[in-house]
Amino acid sequence: MQRLSHGIAPVSLGAALPNQARLVLVRHALEHYVLIRKNPFGGNTMRLISPAVLATAAVLFAAPLQAQMSFGASLGAAVPVGSSAEGLDIGYNVTAHLGIKPPIAPLGLRIDGMFNSFGFDPDGTLSVIAGTVNATLSGVGMPIPMGYLIGGLGLYRSKASVPGFSAEPNSDLGFNIGAGLNFPLTGFSTFLEARFHYVTGEVESFKFIPITFGMRF
């Protein structure tokens, strides 16, 4: 391996390499630049490492620890389940996503804003607008490659309306849990996801499952 020059910018080097390549480069750089000098008294050896190599190693290790932000959107069916399916038709779901996750960490954070619409007789519509804060779990430990788990809490605002009349909207707390599959592509990734949403209510809870396909950048 060639000696790293002081003129090389370690930040651009660390940002351009994959995580495993960073670790290999740091290991070989340390092995190459460690100078073993014997103690003049004949005792144990002493290792001196070049300050430039230490700086490069610090940058290479720090780069993968920086959280990465992603944006995405998804569209799909919203399926009412349980008692909520009585009288409600299958609707649709539109969701915008903001994700924050360190590249090598299994846990991440995802904030969602979603709109759901369901139809009911006669010519009625139930709309549900929600904002959720979720934790994601992914990585090599998942039983399905490229799979992930997601779950969190949110605030759900529902409103029923029929032609010529709209009821007062209700705002309730709820939670969600689900799973998905990532499909990485060049420059972006796609994903397929299903999540169970449980919305509390004064009289009865509301339950539905959006099954969506989306893109993430």
N, C-alpha and C. Protein backbone atom coordinates (compact mmCIF):
# COMPACT_ATOMS: atom_id res chain seq x y z
N MET A 1 0.85 -1.21 0.00
CA MET A 1 0.00 0.00 0.00
C MET A 1 0.88 1.24 0.00
N GLN A 2 0.50 2.25 -0.78
CA GLN A 2 1.30 3.46 -0.86
C GLN A 2 1.05 4.33 0.35
N ARG A 3 2.10 5.11 0.68
CA ARG A 3 2.00 6.01 1.82
C ARG A 3 1.00 7.11 1.51
N LEU A 4 0.11 7.40 2.49
CA LEU A 4 -0.88 8.46 2.30
C LEU A 4 -0.19 9.81 2.43
N SER A 5 -0.41 10.67 1.46
CA SER A 5 0.20 11.99 1.48
C SER A 5 -0.60 12.92 2.37
N HIS A 6 0.11 13.88 2.96
CA HIS A 6 -0.58 14.88 3.78
C HIS A 6 -1.49 15.74 2.93
N GLY A 7 -1.31 15.75 1.60
CA GLY A 7 -2.14 16.59 0.75
C GLY A 7 -3.48 15.98 0.41
N ILE A 8 -3.71 14.70 0.73
CA ILE A 8 -4.97 14.05 0.42
C ILE A 8 -6.02 14.51 1.43
N ALA A 9 -7.23 14.79 0.94
CA ALA A 9 -8.31 15.24 1.82
C ALA A 9 -9.00 14.03 2.41
N PRO A 10 -8.83 13.72 3.69
CA PRO A 10 -9.41 12.51 4.26
C PRO A 10 -10.92 12.53 4.28
N VAL A 11 -11.56 13.72 4.31
CA VAL A 11 -13.02 13.77 4.38
C VAL A 11 -13.62 13.20 3.12
N SER A 12 -13.14 13.60 1.93
CA SER A 12 -13.68 13.08 0.69
C SER A 12 -13.37 11.60 0.54
N LEU A 13 -12.22 11.16 1.04
CA LEU A 13 -11.87 9.75 0.97
C LEU A 13 -12.82 8.93 1.81
N GLY A 14 -13.11 9.36 3.03
CA GLY A 14 -13.99 8.61 3.91
C GLY A 14 -15.41 8.59 3.39
N ALA A 15 -15.87 9.69 2.78
CA ALA A 15 -17.24 9.74 2.31
C ALA A 15 -17.45 8.87 1.10
N ALA A 16 -16.39 8.60 0.30
CA ALA A 16 -16.55 7.88 -0.95
C ALA A 16 -16.47 6.37 -0.77
N LEU A 17 -15.97 5.89 0.35
CA LEU A 17 -15.75 4.47 0.53
C LEU A 17 -16.92 3.82 1.26
N PRO A 18 -17.25 2.58 0.90
CA PRO A 18 -18.24 1.84 1.67
C PRO A 18 -17.74 1.57 3.08
N ASN A 19 -18.67 1.17 3.97
CA ASN A 19 -18.31 0.99 5.38
C ASN A 19 -17.22 -0.06 5.56
N GLN A 20 -17.35 -1.24 4.90
CA GLN A 20 -16.35 -2.27 5.08
C GLN A 20 -15.00 -1.85 4.51
N ALA A 21 -15.02 -1.10 3.39
CA ALA A 21 -13.76 -0.64 2.81
C ALA A 21 -13.05 0.32 3.75
N ARG A 22 -13.82 1.15 4.47
CA ARG A 22 -13.19 2.07 5.43
C ARG A 22 -12.45 1.29 6.50
N LEU A 23 -13.09 0.24 7.02
CA LEU A 23 -12.46 -0.53 8.09
C LEU A 23 -11.19 -1.20 7.61
N VAL A 24 -11.22 -1.77 6.39
CA VAL A 24 -10.03 -2.42 5.84
C VAL A 24 -8.91 -1.42 5.63
N LEU A 25 -9.25 -0.24 5.09
CA LEU A 25 -8.23 0.78 4.83
C LEU A 25 -7.60 1.26 6.12
N VAL A 26 -8.42 1.47 7.14
CA VAL A 26 -7.86 1.91 8.43
C VAL A 26 -6.93 0.86 9.00
N ARG A 27 -7.32 -0.40 8.93
CA ARG A 27 -6.49 -1.46 9.49
C ARG A 27 -5.14 -1.54 8.79
N HIS A 28 -5.15 -1.50 7.44
CA HIS A 28 -3.90 -1.59 6.70
C HIS A 28 -3.05 -0.33 6.88
N ALA A 29 -3.71 0.82 6.99
CA ALA A 29 -2.95 2.05 7.19
C ALA A 29 -2.22 2.04 8.53
N LEU A 30 -2.92 1.56 9.55
CA LEU A 30 -2.29 1.49 10.87
C LEU A 30 -1.14 0.49 10.87
N GLU A 31 -1.35 -0.66 10.21
CA GLU A 31 -0.28 -1.65 10.17
C GLU A 31 0.94 -1.13 9.40
N HIS A 32 0.70 -0.34 8.36
CA HIS A 32 1.80 0.14 7.52
C HIS A 32 2.58 1.26 8.19
N TYR A 33 1.87 2.10 8.94
CA TYR A 33 2.53 3.29 9.50
C TYR A 33 3.00 3.13 10.94
N VAL A 34 2.73 1.99 11.53
CA VAL A 34 3.22 1.78 12.89
C VAL A 34 4.73 1.56 12.84
N LEU A 35 5.45 2.37 13.56
CA LEU A 35 6.91 2.27 13.61
C LEU A 35 7.29 1.63 14.94
N ILE A 36 7.90 0.45 14.83
CA ILE A 36 8.28 -0.27 16.04
C ILE A 36 9.73 0.06 16.38
N ARG A 37 9.90 0.66 17.51
CA ARG A 37 11.25 1.03 17.96
C ARG A 37 11.53 0.37 19.30
N LYS A 38 12.69 -0.20 19.41
CA LYS A 38 13.06 -0.85 20.65
C LYS A 38 13.45 0.16 21.71
N ASN A 39 13.07 -0.14 22.90
CA ASN A 39 13.45 0.66 24.04
C ASN A 39 14.97 0.61 24.19
N PRO A 40 15.62 1.75 24.34
CA PRO A 40 17.09 1.73 24.46
C PRO A 40 17.58 0.91 25.65
N PHE A 41 16.72 0.64 26.62
CA PHE A 41 17.13 -0.15 27.78
C PHE A 41 16.89 -1.63 27.57
N GLY A 42 16.43 -2.02 26.34
CA GLY A 42 16.26 -3.44 26.05
C GLY A 42 14.97 -4.01 26.56
N GLY A 43 14.02 -3.18 26.96
CA GLY A 43 12.76 -3.68 27.50
C GLY A 43 11.72 -3.87 26.41
N ASN A 44 10.46 -3.55 26.75
CA ASN A 44 9.36 -3.71 25.82
C ASN A 44 9.48 -2.72 24.66
N THR A 45 8.81 -3.05 23.55
CA THR A 45 8.84 -2.17 22.38
C THR A 45 7.82 -1.06 22.54
N MET A 46 8.02 -0.01 21.78
CA MET A 46 7.14 1.15 21.83
C MET A 46 6.68 1.46 20.42
N ARG A 47 5.36 1.67 20.21
CA ARG A 47 4.82 1.92 18.90
C ARG A 47 4.41 3.39 18.78
N LEU A 48 4.92 4.01 17.73
CA LEU A 48 4.60 5.41 17.46
C LEU A 48 3.81 5.48 16.16
N ILE A 49 2.67 6.10 16.16
CA ILE A 49 1.80 6.18 14.99
C ILE A 49 1.80 7.60 14.46
N SER A 50 1.92 7.72 13.14
CA SER A 50 1.93 9.03 12.50
C SER A 50 0.65 9.79 12.81
N PRO A 51 0.73 11.07 13.18
CA PRO A 51 -0.48 11.86 13.43
C PRO A 51 -1.39 11.94 12.21
N ALA A 52 -0.82 11.95 11.01
CA ALA A 52 -1.65 12.01 9.80
C ALA A 52 -2.50 10.77 9.66
N VAL A 53 -1.93 9.60 10.03
CA VAL A 53 -2.69 8.36 9.95
C VAL A 53 -3.80 8.34 10.98
N LEU A 54 -3.52 8.84 12.17
CA LEU A 54 -4.56 8.90 13.20
C LEU A 54 -5.72 9.78 12.75
N ALA A 55 -5.40 10.91 12.12
CA ALA A 55 -6.46 11.81 11.64
C ALA A 55 -7.28 11.14 10.55
N THR A 56 -6.60 10.44 9.63
CA THR A 56 -7.31 9.74 8.57
C THR A 56 -8.21 8.65 9.15
N ALA A 57 -7.69 7.90 10.11
CA ALA A 57 -8.48 6.83 10.73
C ALA A 57 -9.69 7.40 11.44
N ALA A 58 -9.53 8.53 12.13
CA ALA A 58 -10.66 9.13 12.83
C ALA A 58 -11.76 9.53 11.87
N VAL A 59 -11.37 10.10 10.73
CA VAL A 59 -12.37 10.52 9.74
C VAL A 59 -13.08 9.31 9.15
N LEU A 60 -12.33 8.24 8.85
CA LEU A 60 -12.92 7.05 8.23
C LEU A 60 -13.89 6.37 9.18
N PHE A 61 -13.57 6.37 10.47
CA PHE A 61 -14.47 5.76 11.43
C PHE A 61 -15.67 6.65 11.72
N ALA A 62 -15.47 7.97 11.72
CA ALA A 62 -16.56 8.87 12.06
C ALA A 62 -17.58 8.98 10.95
N ALA A 63 -17.15 8.83 9.69
CA ALA A 63 -18.05 9.02 8.56
C ALA A 63 -19.28 8.11 8.61
N PRO A 64 -19.11 6.79 8.87
CA PRO A 64 -20.30 5.95 8.89
C PRO A 64 -21.20 6.16 10.08
N LEU A 65 -20.70 6.86 11.13
CA LEU A 65 -21.53 7.10 12.30
C LEU A 65 -22.45 8.30 12.13
N GLN A 66 -22.25 9.10 11.09
CA GLN A 66 -23.08 10.25 10.87
C GLN A 66 -24.43 9.80 10.34
N ALA A 67 -25.50 10.34 10.92
CA ALA A 67 -26.84 9.96 10.50
C ALA A 67 -27.12 10.47 9.09
N GLN A 68 -27.80 9.64 8.32
CA GLN A 68 -28.20 10.01 6.97
C GLN A 68 -29.69 10.28 6.95
N MET A 69 -30.09 11.30 6.19
CA MET A 69 -31.49 11.68 6.09
C MET A 69 -32.04 11.24 4.75
N SER A 70 -33.26 10.75 4.74
CA SER A 70 -33.90 10.32 3.51
C SER A 70 -35.32 10.87 3.44
N PHE A 71 -35.79 11.05 2.22
CA PHE A 71 -37.15 11.50 1.98
C PHE A 71 -37.84 10.48 1.09
N GLY A 72 -39.14 10.31 1.29
CA GLY A 72 -39.84 9.33 0.49
C GLY A 72 -41.33 9.60 0.45
N ALA A 73 -42.01 8.87 -0.41
CA ALA A 73 -43.46 8.94 -0.55
C ALA A 73 -43.97 7.58 -0.96
N SER A 74 -45.19 7.27 -0.54
CA SER A 74 -45.78 5.98 -0.86
C SER A 74 -47.27 6.14 -1.12
N LEU A 75 -47.81 5.16 -1.82
CA LEU A 75 -49.22 5.17 -2.21
C LEU A 75 -49.72 3.74 -2.21
N GLY A 76 -50.96 3.54 -1.76
CA GLY A 76 -51.50 2.20 -1.77
C GLY A 76 -52.90 2.13 -1.21
N ALA A 77 -53.31 0.91 -0.91
CA ALA A 77 -54.66 0.67 -0.39
C ALA A 77 -54.67 0.81 1.13
N ALA A 78 -55.79 1.29 1.67
CA ALA A 78 -56.02 1.36 3.11
C ALA A 78 -57.20 0.44 3.41
N VAL A 79 -56.93 -0.62 4.16
CA VAL A 79 -57.93 -1.67 4.37
C VAL A 79 -58.44 -1.61 5.80
N PRO A 80 -59.72 -1.27 6.03
CA PRO A 80 -60.27 -1.33 7.39
C PRO A 80 -60.39 -2.79 7.83
N VAL A 81 -60.11 -3.06 9.10
CA VAL A 81 -60.13 -4.44 9.61
C VAL A 81 -60.96 -4.51 10.88
N GLY A 82 -61.37 -5.73 11.22
CA GLY A 82 -62.16 -5.94 12.42
C GLY A 82 -63.53 -5.28 12.31
N SER A 83 -63.99 -4.76 13.42
CA SER A 83 -65.30 -4.08 13.44
C SER A 83 -65.30 -2.82 12.58
N SER A 84 -64.11 -2.26 12.31
CA SER A 84 -64.03 -1.05 11.48
C SER A 84 -64.38 -1.35 10.03
N ALA A 85 -64.31 -2.61 9.63
CA ALA A 85 -64.61 -2.96 8.24
C ALA A 85 -66.11 -3.00 7.97
N GLU A 86 -66.92 -3.00 9.01
CA GLU A 86 -68.37 -3.05 8.82
C GLU A 86 -68.88 -1.71 8.29
N GLY A 87 -69.32 -1.71 7.06
CA GLY A 87 -69.87 -0.50 6.46
C GLY A 87 -68.86 0.39 5.79
N LEU A 88 -67.57 0.09 5.91
CA LEU A 88 -66.54 0.90 5.27
C LEU A 88 -65.93 0.14 4.09
N ASP A 89 -65.71 0.85 3.01
CA ASP A 89 -65.06 0.26 1.84
C ASP A 89 -63.55 0.38 1.95
N ILE A 90 -62.84 -0.44 1.20
CA ILE A 90 -61.39 -0.28 1.11
C ILE A 90 -61.08 1.07 0.48
N GLY A 91 -60.18 1.81 1.09
CA GLY A 91 -59.84 3.14 0.60
C GLY A 91 -58.42 3.22 0.09
N TYR A 92 -57.85 4.40 0.18
CA TYR A 92 -56.48 4.59 -0.29
C TYR A 92 -55.68 5.37 0.74
N ASN A 93 -54.36 5.26 0.63
CA ASN A 93 -53.43 5.90 1.55
C ASN A 93 -52.34 6.60 0.76
N VAL A 94 -52.02 7.82 1.15
CA VAL A 94 -50.90 8.59 0.61
C VAL A 94 -50.05 9.04 1.78
N THR A 95 -48.75 8.76 1.73
CA THR A 95 -47.88 9.05 2.87
C THR A 95 -46.58 9.70 2.40
N ALA A 96 -46.12 10.68 3.16
CA ALA A 96 -44.80 11.28 2.96
C ALA A 96 -43.92 10.90 4.14
N HIS A 97 -42.65 10.62 3.87
CA HIS A 97 -41.74 10.10 4.89
C HIS A 97 -40.50 10.97 5.03
N LEU A 98 -40.02 11.07 6.27
CA LEU A 98 -38.72 11.65 6.57
C LEU A 98 -37.99 10.67 7.47
N GLY A 99 -36.86 10.14 6.98
CA GLY A 99 -36.12 9.14 7.75
C GLY A 99 -34.75 9.65 8.17
N ILE A 100 -34.32 9.23 9.36
CA ILE A 100 -33.00 9.57 9.89
C ILE A 100 -32.40 8.28 10.44
N LYS A 101 -31.22 7.89 9.88
CA LYS A 101 -30.62 6.62 10.31
C LYS A 101 -29.12 6.61 10.03
N PRO A 102 -28.29 6.29 11.04
CA PRO A 102 -26.87 6.06 10.77
C PRO A 102 -26.72 4.84 9.87
N PRO A 103 -25.80 4.87 8.91
CA PRO A 103 -25.69 3.77 7.93
C PRO A 103 -25.45 2.40 8.54
N ILE A 104 -24.66 2.31 9.62
CA ILE A 104 -24.31 1.00 10.16
C ILE A 104 -25.11 0.65 11.41
N ALA A 105 -26.06 1.49 11.79
CA ALA A 105 -26.85 1.22 12.99
C ALA A 105 -28.14 0.50 12.61
N PRO A 106 -28.60 -0.45 13.43
CA PRO A 106 -29.85 -1.15 13.11
C PRO A 106 -31.10 -0.30 13.37
N LEU A 107 -31.01 0.66 14.27
CA LEU A 107 -32.17 1.47 14.63
C LEU A 107 -32.19 2.78 13.87
N GLY A 108 -33.38 3.21 13.50
CA GLY A 108 -33.54 4.49 12.82
C GLY A 108 -34.82 5.16 13.28
N LEU A 109 -35.02 6.38 12.81
CA LEU A 109 -36.20 7.18 13.14
C LEU A 109 -36.90 7.56 11.84
N ARG A 110 -38.23 7.44 11.82
CA ARG A 110 -38.98 7.83 10.64
C ARG A 110 -40.23 8.59 11.06
N ILE A 111 -40.43 9.75 10.46
CA ILE A 111 -41.60 10.59 10.72
C ILE A 111 -42.49 10.55 9.48
N ASP A 112 -43.76 10.22 9.68
CA ASP A 112 -44.70 10.07 8.56
C ASP A 112 -45.85 11.05 8.69
N GLY A 113 -46.27 11.57 7.57
CA GLY A 113 -47.52 12.31 7.47
C GLY A 113 -48.38 11.62 6.42
N MET A 114 -49.61 11.24 6.78
CA MET A 114 -50.40 10.41 5.87
C MET A 114 -51.84 10.91 5.77
N PHE A 115 -52.43 10.58 4.63
CA PHE A 115 -53.85 10.85 4.38
C PHE A 115 -54.51 9.55 3.93
N ASN A 116 -55.62 9.20 4.60
CA ASN A 116 -56.38 8.01 4.26
C ASN A 116 -57.82 8.41 3.97
N SER A 117 -58.44 7.73 3.02
CA SER A 117 -59.84 8.01 2.68
C SER A 117 -60.58 6.70 2.50
N PHE A 118 -61.76 6.59 3.14
CA PHE A 118 -62.61 5.41 3.05
C PHE A 118 -64.02 5.83 2.65
N GLY A 119 -64.66 5.01 1.88
CA GLY A 119 -66.02 5.30 1.49
C GLY A 119 -67.02 4.48 2.28
N PHE A 120 -68.24 5.03 2.47
CA PHE A 120 -69.33 4.29 3.12
C PHE A 120 -70.66 4.76 2.52
N ASP A 121 -71.67 3.93 2.65
CA ASP A 121 -73.00 4.25 2.10
C ASP A 121 -73.74 5.20 3.04
N PRO A 122 -74.57 6.11 2.51
CA PRO A 122 -74.75 6.38 1.07
C PRO A 122 -73.85 7.54 0.64
N ASP A 123 -72.90 7.30 -0.19
CA ASP A 123 -72.01 8.32 -0.77
C ASP A 123 -71.23 9.09 0.28
N GLY A 124 -70.90 8.43 1.39
CA GLY A 124 -70.16 9.09 2.44
C GLY A 124 -68.66 8.85 2.33
N THR A 125 -67.90 9.68 3.03
CA THR A 125 -66.44 9.57 3.03
C THR A 125 -65.92 9.76 4.45
N LEU A 126 -65.04 8.88 4.86
CA LEU A 126 -64.31 9.03 6.12
C LEU A 126 -62.86 9.30 5.78
N SER A 127 -62.37 10.46 6.16
CA SER A 127 -60.97 10.82 5.92
C SER A 127 -60.22 10.79 7.23
N VAL A 128 -59.00 10.27 7.18
CA VAL A 128 -58.15 10.17 8.36
C VAL A 128 -56.78 10.76 8.01
N ILE A 129 -56.45 11.87 8.66
CA ILE A 129 -55.13 12.48 8.51
C ILE A 129 -54.32 12.17 9.76
N ALA A 130 -53.08 11.73 9.58
CA ALA A 130 -52.29 11.29 10.73
C ALA A 130 -50.85 11.73 10.60
N GLY A 131 -50.23 11.95 11.75
CA GLY A 131 -48.79 12.18 11.85
C GLY A 131 -48.23 11.21 12.86
N THR A 132 -47.23 10.44 12.48
CA THR A 132 -46.68 9.43 13.38
C THR A 132 -45.17 9.57 13.49
N VAL A 133 -44.66 9.21 14.64
CA VAL A 133 -43.22 9.14 14.89
C VAL A 133 -42.89 7.69 15.17
N ASN A 134 -41.95 7.13 14.38
CA ASN A 134 -41.74 5.70 14.41
C ASN A 134 -40.27 5.33 14.56
N ALA A 135 -40.03 4.18 15.16
CA ALA A 135 -38.70 3.58 15.19
C ALA A 135 -38.64 2.48 14.15
N THR A 136 -37.50 2.35 13.49
CA THR A 136 -37.31 1.29 12.50
C THR A 136 -36.16 0.39 12.94
N LEU A 137 -36.27 -0.87 12.59
CA LEU A 137 -35.23 -1.86 12.91
C LEU A 137 -34.91 -2.62 11.64
N SER A 138 -33.66 -2.59 11.23
CA SER A 138 -33.23 -3.28 10.02
C SER A 138 -31.79 -3.72 10.19
N GLY A 139 -31.29 -4.50 9.24
CA GLY A 139 -29.90 -4.93 9.31
C GLY A 139 -29.76 -6.41 9.02
N VAL A 140 -28.52 -6.89 9.20
CA VAL A 140 -28.20 -8.27 8.86
C VAL A 140 -28.89 -9.27 9.77
N GLY A 141 -29.37 -8.85 10.93
CA GLY A 141 -30.03 -9.76 11.84
C GLY A 141 -31.47 -10.06 11.49
N MET A 142 -32.02 -9.38 10.49
CA MET A 142 -33.40 -9.61 10.11
C MET A 142 -33.56 -10.97 9.44
N PRO A 143 -34.67 -11.68 9.70
CA PRO A 143 -34.85 -13.01 9.10
C PRO A 143 -34.99 -12.98 7.59
N ILE A 144 -35.48 -11.86 7.04
CA ILE A 144 -35.62 -11.71 5.59
C ILE A 144 -34.63 -10.65 5.12
N PRO A 145 -33.77 -10.97 4.14
CA PRO A 145 -32.83 -9.96 3.63
C PRO A 145 -33.56 -8.72 3.14
N MET A 146 -33.03 -7.55 3.45
CA MET A 146 -33.58 -6.25 3.07
C MET A 146 -34.91 -5.95 3.76
N GLY A 147 -35.28 -6.75 4.76
CA GLY A 147 -36.52 -6.51 5.49
C GLY A 147 -36.31 -5.53 6.64
N TYR A 148 -37.39 -4.98 7.15
CA TYR A 148 -37.32 -4.07 8.30
C TYR A 148 -38.64 -4.12 9.07
N LEU A 149 -38.56 -3.74 10.33
CA LEU A 149 -39.72 -3.59 11.19
C LEU A 149 -39.91 -2.11 11.51
N ILE A 150 -41.17 -1.71 11.72
CA ILE A 150 -41.46 -0.32 12.02
C ILE A 150 -42.63 -0.25 12.99
N GLY A 151 -42.59 0.71 13.89
CA GLY A 151 -43.68 0.90 14.84
C GLY A 151 -43.53 2.22 15.55
N GLY A 152 -44.65 2.78 15.98
CA GLY A 152 -44.58 4.07 16.66
C GLY A 152 -45.95 4.57 17.10
N LEU A 153 -45.95 5.83 17.52
CA LEU A 153 -47.15 6.49 18.03
C LEU A 153 -47.50 7.65 17.13
N GLY A 154 -48.79 8.06 17.20
CA GLY A 154 -49.19 9.17 16.35
C GLY A 154 -50.50 9.79 16.79
N LEU A 155 -50.83 10.88 16.12
CA LEU A 155 -52.09 11.60 16.33
C LEU A 155 -52.90 11.47 15.05
N TYR A 156 -54.16 11.04 15.18
CA TYR A 156 -55.03 10.76 14.04
C TYR A 156 -56.25 11.69 14.10
N ARG A 157 -56.52 12.38 13.01
CA ARG A 157 -57.67 13.29 12.92
C ARG A 157 -58.64 12.73 11.88
N SER A 158 -59.78 12.30 12.32
CA SER A 158 -60.76 11.68 11.43
C SER A 158 -61.98 12.58 11.27
N LYS A 159 -62.57 12.51 10.07
CA LYS A 159 -63.74 13.33 9.77
C LYS A 159 -64.64 12.60 8.78
N ALA A 160 -65.91 12.47 9.13
CA ALA A 160 -66.89 11.83 8.26
C ALA A 160 -67.75 12.89 7.59
N SER A 161 -68.07 12.64 6.34
CA SER A 161 -68.89 13.61 5.60
C SER A 161 -69.74 12.88 4.57
N VAL A 162 -70.91 13.46 4.31
CA VAL A 162 -71.80 13.02 3.25
C VAL A 162 -72.17 14.26 2.45
N PRO A 163 -72.69 14.10 1.25
CA PRO A 163 -73.04 15.28 0.45
C PRO A 163 -73.96 16.23 1.22
N GLY A 164 -73.51 17.45 1.41
CA GLY A 164 -74.29 18.47 2.09
C GLY A 164 -74.10 18.53 3.59
N PHE A 165 -73.28 17.64 4.17
CA PHE A 165 -73.08 17.67 5.61
C PHE A 165 -71.71 17.09 5.96
N SER A 166 -71.05 17.70 6.94
CA SER A 166 -69.77 17.21 7.45
C SER A 166 -69.82 17.21 8.97
N ALA A 167 -69.43 16.10 9.57
CA ALA A 167 -69.39 16.00 11.03
C ALA A 167 -68.17 16.72 11.58
N GLU A 168 -68.20 17.00 12.87
CA GLU A 168 -67.05 17.60 13.53
C GLU A 168 -65.89 16.61 13.55
N PRO A 169 -64.68 17.07 13.23
CA PRO A 169 -63.54 16.13 13.24
C PRO A 169 -63.17 15.71 14.66
N ASN A 170 -62.63 14.51 14.77
CA ASN A 170 -62.14 13.98 16.04
C ASN A 170 -60.64 13.76 15.95
N SER A 171 -59.94 14.08 17.01
CA SER A 171 -58.50 13.85 17.10
C SER A 171 -58.23 12.85 18.22
N ASP A 172 -57.56 11.76 17.87
CA ASP A 172 -57.31 10.69 18.84
C ASP A 172 -55.87 10.20 18.70
N LEU A 173 -55.36 9.65 19.79
CA LEU A 173 -54.04 9.04 19.77
C LEU A 173 -54.14 7.60 19.25
N GLY A 174 -53.03 7.12 18.73
CA GLY A 174 -53.01 5.75 18.24
C GLY A 174 -51.59 5.25 18.12
N PHE A 175 -51.47 4.00 17.72
CA PHE A 175 -50.15 3.41 17.50
C PHE A 175 -50.20 2.58 16.23
N ASN A 176 -49.02 2.24 15.74
CA ASN A 176 -48.93 1.41 14.54
C ASN A 176 -47.74 0.48 14.66
N ILE A 177 -47.82 -0.65 13.95
CA ILE A 177 -46.72 -1.60 13.90
C ILE A 177 -46.82 -2.34 12.57
N GLY A 178 -45.66 -2.60 11.98
CA GLY A 178 -45.69 -3.26 10.68
C GLY A 178 -44.31 -3.68 10.23
N ALA A 179 -44.22 -4.04 8.96
CA ALA A 179 -42.97 -4.52 8.39
C ALA A 179 -42.94 -4.16 6.91
N GLY A 180 -41.73 -4.21 6.35
CA GLY A 180 -41.59 -3.88 4.94
C GLY A 180 -40.35 -4.51 4.35
N LEU A 181 -40.22 -4.34 3.05
CA LEU A 181 -39.06 -4.82 2.30
C LEU A 181 -38.48 -3.67 1.49
N ASN A 182 -37.16 -3.49 1.58
CA ASN A 182 -36.46 -2.49 0.77
C ASN A 182 -35.92 -3.13 -0.51
N PHE A 183 -35.96 -2.35 -1.60
CA PHE A 183 -35.40 -2.79 -2.87
C PHE A 183 -34.45 -1.70 -3.36
N PRO A 184 -33.17 -1.75 -2.96
CA PRO A 184 -32.22 -0.69 -3.33
C PRO A 184 -31.99 -0.65 -4.85
N LEU A 185 -31.97 0.55 -5.40
CA LEU A 185 -31.66 0.79 -6.80
C LEU A 185 -30.59 1.87 -6.88
N THR A 186 -30.17 2.21 -8.07
CA THR A 186 -29.14 3.22 -8.24
C THR A 186 -29.71 4.61 -7.96
N GLY A 187 -29.20 5.26 -6.92
CA GLY A 187 -29.62 6.62 -6.60
C GLY A 187 -30.84 6.72 -5.74
N PHE A 188 -31.61 5.66 -5.60
CA PHE A 188 -32.80 5.67 -4.76
C PHE A 188 -33.17 4.23 -4.44
N SER A 189 -34.20 4.06 -3.64
CA SER A 189 -34.67 2.72 -3.32
C SER A 189 -36.19 2.71 -3.32
N THR A 190 -36.76 1.55 -3.54
CA THR A 190 -38.21 1.38 -3.44
C THR A 190 -38.49 0.45 -2.26
N PHE A 191 -39.73 0.46 -1.80
CA PHE A 191 -40.09 -0.39 -0.68
C PHE A 191 -41.56 -0.77 -0.74
N LEU A 192 -41.86 -1.91 -0.16
CA LEU A 192 -43.22 -2.41 -0.01
C LEU A 192 -43.47 -2.57 1.48
N GLU A 193 -44.60 -2.05 1.95
CA GLU A 193 -44.81 -1.98 3.40
C GLU A 193 -46.28 -2.22 3.75
N ALA A 194 -46.50 -2.87 4.89
CA ALA A 194 -47.83 -3.07 5.46
C ALA A 194 -47.77 -2.76 6.95
N ARG A 195 -48.69 -1.93 7.43
CA ARG A 195 -48.69 -1.53 8.85
C ARG A 195 -50.10 -1.54 9.41
N PHE A 196 -50.21 -2.05 10.62
CA PHE A 196 -51.48 -2.06 11.34
C PHE A 196 -51.57 -0.80 12.19
N HIS A 197 -52.65 -0.03 12.01
CA HIS A 197 -52.88 1.20 12.78
C HIS A 197 -54.08 0.99 13.70
N TYR A 198 -53.89 1.34 14.95
CA TYR A 198 -54.96 1.26 15.95
C TYR A 198 -55.18 2.66 16.51
N VAL A 199 -56.38 3.18 16.28
CA VAL A 199 -56.72 4.54 16.71
C VAL A 199 -57.73 4.45 17.85
N THR A 200 -57.40 5.04 18.98
CA THR A 200 -58.33 5.03 20.10
C THR A 200 -59.51 5.95 19.82
N GLY A 201 -60.61 5.72 20.50
CA GLY A 201 -61.80 6.57 20.34
C GLY A 201 -62.63 6.59 21.61
N GLU A 202 -63.48 7.59 21.76
CA GLU A 202 -64.31 7.70 22.95
C GLU A 202 -65.33 6.56 23.01
N VAL A 203 -65.86 6.18 21.85
CA VAL A 203 -66.88 5.13 21.80
C VAL A 203 -66.28 3.82 21.30
N GLU A 204 -65.56 3.86 20.21
CA GLU A 204 -65.01 2.66 19.61
C GLU A 204 -63.70 2.98 18.92
N SER A 205 -62.79 2.03 18.94
CA SER A 205 -61.50 2.22 18.27
C SER A 205 -61.67 2.02 16.77
N PHE A 206 -60.68 2.52 16.02
CA PHE A 206 -60.70 2.38 14.57
C PHE A 206 -59.40 1.70 14.16
N LYS A 207 -59.52 0.67 13.31
CA LYS A 207 -58.35 -0.12 12.93
C LYS A 207 -58.29 -0.25 11.41
N PHE A 208 -57.09 -0.07 10.87
CA PHE A 208 -56.92 -0.23 9.43
C PHE A 208 -55.46 -0.57 9.11
N ILE A 209 -55.27 -1.12 7.91
CA ILE A 209 -53.94 -1.55 7.47
C ILE A 209 -53.66 -0.95 6.09
N PRO A 210 -52.78 0.04 5.99
CA PRO A 210 -52.33 0.49 4.67
C PRO A 210 -51.29 -0.48 4.10
N ILE A 211 -51.48 -0.86 2.86
CA ILE A 211 -50.51 -1.69 2.13
C ILE A 211 -50.00 -0.83 0.99
N THR A 212 -48.76 -0.39 1.08
CA THR A 212 -48.28 0.67 0.18
C THR A 212 -46.98 0.29 -0.50
N PHE A 213 -46.74 0.95 -1.63
CA PHE A 213 -45.48 0.85 -2.36
C PHE A 213 -44.94 2.27 -2.51
N GLY A 214 -43.64 2.45 -2.24
CA GLY A 214 -43.10 3.79 -2.26
C GLY A 214 -41.67 3.86 -2.75
N MET A 215 -41.19 5.13 -2.82
CA MET A 215 -39.82 5.41 -3.23
C MET A 215 -39.16 6.25 -2.14
N ARG A 216 -37.85 6.02 -1.98
CA ARG A 216 -37.08 6.74 -0.97
C ARG A 216 -35.79 7.26 -1.60
N PHE A 217 -35.46 8.53 -1.28
CA PHE A 217 -34.26 9.17 -1.84
C PHE A 217 -33.31 9.60 -0.73
